[in-house]
Amino acid sequence: MSSIFLRERHRWDVDMRIPPDPCMPVAKSAPLPRTIDAVSRSLAPEKREAFLRALGQAVRGPELDAVFDTWWMEAMFDAVPGRAGRLERTVAGRDLLRLPDTLEEEQS
C-alpha cells in the first residue's frame, strides 16, 4: 500500500499553523501549503538548493515522502521570524515553558 494512499486515507483536519512563540507577541501566521513550490519559495536560497537536490535524489515512495516532510517542517520553522534566537534560547535552557508531569496536574 503506497504511503500516499495511507496519508490520504488517514488524513485528519488539523490546524497546520505554527503555534506562537511564547516569548513573542501573538500574531497569526498563514499555513504553508504542502506543495513543492510553496516549500521552495519559503526557504532561503542555500536551503532551497539543498531541498531541490534532496528531492531529485529521493526514490519515489516513503523516501521521497520523508524528504518532503522534513523540508516542509524546516520551511514552517523558518516562516516565523526569530528562529535563530528561539533556538539559541532553547539550547541555553532560557525562557522554557514547564509542561505538566501528568494530566491530573494540568487539570488542577
C-alpha atoms as a PDB file:
ATOM      1  CA  MET A   1       0.000   0.000   0.000  1.00  0.00           C
ATOM      2  CA  SER A   2       1.516   3.316  -1.019  1.00  0.00           C
ATOM      3  CA  SER A   3       2.312   5.963   1.546  1.00  0.00           C
ATOM      4  CA  ILE A   4       0.297   8.490  -0.469  1.00  0.00           C
ATOM      5  CA  PHE A   5      -2.769   6.265  -0.155  1.00  0.00           C
ATOM      6  CA  LEU A   6      -2.206   5.851   3.575  1.00  0.00           C
ATOM      7  CA  ARG A   7      -1.691   9.557   4.084  1.00  0.00           C
ATOM      8  CA  GLU A   8      -4.883  10.420   2.147  1.00  0.00           C
ATOM      9  CA  ARG A   9      -6.885   7.677   3.843  1.00  0.00           C
ATOM     10  CA  HIS A  10      -5.866   8.714   7.362  1.00  0.00           C
ATOM     11  CA  ARG A  11      -5.964  12.475   6.900  1.00  0.00           C
ATOM     12  CA  TRP A  12      -7.222  14.461   9.849  1.00  0.00           C
ATOM     13  CA  ASP A  13      -8.456  18.020   9.793  1.00  0.00           C
ATOM     14  CA  VAL A  14      -5.711  19.602  11.815  1.00  0.00           C
ATOM     15  CA  ASP A  15      -4.652  23.183  12.104  1.00  0.00           C
ATOM     16  CA  MET A  16      -1.241  23.298  10.400  1.00  0.00           C
ATOM     17  CA  ARG A  17      -0.453  26.791  11.681  1.00  0.00           C
ATOM     18  CA  ILE A  18       2.726  27.338  13.628  1.00  0.00           C
ATOM     19  CA  PRO A  19       1.994  27.833  17.335  1.00  0.00           C
ATOM     20  CA  PRO A  20       3.016  31.271  18.547  1.00  0.00           C
ATOM     21  CA  ASP A  21       6.357  31.759  20.270  1.00  0.00           C
ATOM     22  CA  PRO A  22       5.544  32.236  23.988  1.00  0.00           C
ATOM     23  CA  CYS A  23       8.240  34.916  24.220  1.00  0.00           C
ATOM     24  CA  MET A  24       6.960  36.985  21.306  1.00  0.00           C
ATOM     25  CA  PRO A  25       3.727  38.919  20.774  1.00  0.00           C
ATOM     26  CA  VAL A  26       0.959  36.693  19.440  1.00  0.00           C
ATOM     27  CA  ALA A  27       0.447  37.012  15.702  1.00  0.00           C
ATOM     28  CA  LYS A  28      -1.366  34.798  13.248  1.00  0.00           C
ATOM     29  CA  SER A  29       0.619  33.052  10.549  1.00  0.00           C
ATOM     30  CA  ALA A  30      -0.813  31.584   7.391  1.00  0.00           C
ATOM     31  CA  PRO A  31      -0.476  27.850   6.955  1.00  0.00           C
ATOM     32  CA  LEU A  32       2.191  26.755   4.492  1.00  0.00           C
ATOM     33  CA  PRO A  33       0.686  24.639   1.705  1.00  0.00           C
ATOM     34  CA  ARG A  34       2.232  21.188   1.413  1.00  0.00           C
ATOM     35  CA  THR A  35       3.490  21.708  -2.117  1.00  0.00           C
ATOM     36  CA  ILE A  36       6.971  21.659  -3.577  1.00  0.00           C
ATOM     37  CA  ASP A  37       6.515  25.208  -4.908  1.00  0.00           C
ATOM     38  CA  ALA A  38       5.368  26.591  -1.534  1.00  0.00           C
ATOM     39  CA  VAL A  39       8.209  24.936   0.362  1.00  0.00           C
ATOM     40  CA  SER A  40      10.751  26.034  -2.251  1.00  0.00           C
ATOM     41  CA  ARG A  41       9.577  29.673  -2.108  1.00  0.00           C
ATOM     42  CA  SER A  42       9.687  29.645   1.700  1.00  0.00           C
ATOM     43  CA  LEU A  43      13.302  28.519   2.017  1.00  0.00           C
ATOM     44  CA  ALA A  44      16.411  30.684   1.854  1.00  0.00           C
ATOM     45  CA  PRO A  45      18.356  30.239  -1.424  1.00  0.00           C
ATOM     46  CA  GLU A  46      21.012  27.938   0.091  1.00  0.00           C
ATOM     47  CA  LYS A  47      18.344  25.778   1.726  1.00  0.00           C
ATOM     48  CA  ARG A  48      16.257  25.797  -1.464  1.00  0.00           C
ATOM     49  CA  GLU A  49      19.157  24.288  -3.417  1.00  0.00           C
ATOM     50  CA  ALA A  50      19.584  21.531  -0.800  1.00  0.00           C
ATOM     51  CA  PHE A  51      15.822  20.871  -0.791  1.00  0.00           C
ATOM     52  CA  LEU A  52      15.614  20.508  -4.572  1.00  0.00           C
ATOM     53  CA  ARG A  53      18.763  18.353  -4.637  1.00  0.00           C
ATOM     54  CA  ALA A  54      17.322  16.057  -1.933  1.00  0.00           C
ATOM     55  CA  LEU A  55      14.020  15.768  -3.807  1.00  0.00           C
ATOM     56  CA  GLY A  56      15.847  14.953  -7.031  1.00  0.00           C
ATOM     57  CA  GLN A  57      17.838  12.164  -5.371  1.00  0.00           C
ATOM     58  CA  ALA A  58      14.998  10.590  -3.370  1.00  0.00           C
ATOM     59  CA  VAL A  59      13.328   7.416  -4.602  1.00  0.00           C
ATOM     60  CA  ARG A  60       9.572   7.631  -5.118  1.00  0.00           C
ATOM     61  CA  GLY A  61       7.597   6.368  -2.119  1.00  0.00           C
ATOM     62  CA  PRO A  62       8.452   6.529   1.588  1.00  0.00           C
ATOM     63  CA  GLU A  63      11.904   8.015   0.974  1.00  0.00           C
ATOM     64  CA  LEU A  64      10.508  10.884  -1.107  1.00  0.00           C
ATOM     65  CA  ASP A  65       7.713  11.441   1.419  1.00  0.00           C
ATOM     66  CA  ALA A  66      10.254  11.630   4.267  1.00  0.00           C
ATOM     67  CA  VAL A  67      12.433  14.139   2.383  1.00  0.00           C
ATOM     68  CA  PHE A  68       9.433  16.336   1.623  1.00  0.00           C
ATOM     69  CA  ASP A  69       8.094  16.133   5.185  1.00  0.00           C
ATOM     70  CA  THR A  70      11.491  17.121   6.609  1.00  0.00           C
ATOM     71  CA  TRP A  71      11.846  20.151   4.354  1.00  0.00           C
ATOM     72  CA  TRP A  72       8.219  21.212   4.812  1.00  0.00           C
ATOM     73  CA  MET A  73       8.819  21.328   8.580  1.00  0.00           C
ATOM     74  CA  GLU A  74      12.067  23.253   8.003  1.00  0.00           C
ATOM     75  CA  ALA A  75      10.130  25.815   5.943  1.00  0.00           C
ATOM     76  CA  MET A  76       7.457  26.028   8.662  1.00  0.00           C
ATOM     77  CA  PHE A  77      10.112  26.720  11.316  1.00  0.00           C
ATOM     78  CA  ASP A  78      11.720  29.372   9.128  1.00  0.00           C
ATOM     79  CA  ALA A  79       8.336  31.026   8.459  1.00  0.00           C
ATOM     80  CA  VAL A  80       8.223  32.600  11.922  1.00  0.00           C
ATOM     81  CA  PRO A  81      10.782  35.392  12.323  1.00  0.00           C
ATOM     82  CA  GLY A  82      13.382  34.962  15.046  1.00  0.00           C
ATOM     83  CA  ARG A  83      14.088  31.253  14.635  1.00  0.00           C
ATOM     84  CA  ALA A  84      17.787  31.623  15.433  1.00  0.00           C
ATOM     85  CA  GLY A  85      17.005  33.441  18.685  1.00  0.00           C
ATOM     86  CA  ARG A  86      14.387  30.858  19.699  1.00  0.00           C
ATOM     87  CA  LEU A  87      16.818  28.017  19.010  1.00  0.00           C
ATOM     88  CA  GLU A  88      19.584  29.783  20.954  1.00  0.00           C
ATOM     89  CA  ARG A  89      17.278  30.292  23.970  1.00  0.00           C
ATOM     90  CA  THR A  90      16.132  26.677  23.835  1.00  0.00           C
ATOM     91  CA  VAL A  91      19.668  25.280  23.691  1.00  0.00           C
ATOM     92  CA  ALA A  92      20.667  27.584  26.563  1.00  0.00           C
ATOM     93  CA  GLY A  93      17.603  26.493  28.567  1.00  0.00           C
ATOM     94  CA  ARG A  94      16.180  30.023  28.820  1.00  0.00           C
ATOM     95  CA  ASP A  95      12.519  31.050  28.519  1.00  0.00           C
ATOM     96  CA  LEU A  96      11.298  27.460  28.541  1.00  0.00           C
ATOM     97  CA  LEU A  97       7.744  26.582  29.500  1.00  0.00           C
ATOM     98  CA  ARG A  98       7.237  23.933  32.170  1.00  0.00           C
ATOM     99  CA  LEU A  99       4.921  21.196  30.965  1.00  0.00           C
ATOM    100  CA  PRO A 100       2.748  19.352  33.466  1.00  0.00           C
ATOM    101  CA  ASP A 101       4.072  15.968  34.581  1.00  0.00           C
ATOM    102  CA  THR A 102       0.647  14.357  34.449  1.00  0.00           C
ATOM    103  CA  LEU A 103      -2.805  15.033  33.095  1.00  0.00           C
ATOM    104  CA  GLU A 104      -4.153  15.487  36.630  1.00  0.00           C
ATOM    105  CA  GLU A 105      -1.574  18.182  37.355  1.00  0.00           C
ATOM    106  CA  GLU A 106      -2.662  20.032  34.226  1.00  0.00           C
ATOM    107  CA  GLN A 107      -6.318  19.995  35.268  1.00  0.00           C
ATOM    108  CA  SER A 108      -5.792  21.046  38.895  1.00  0.00           C
END
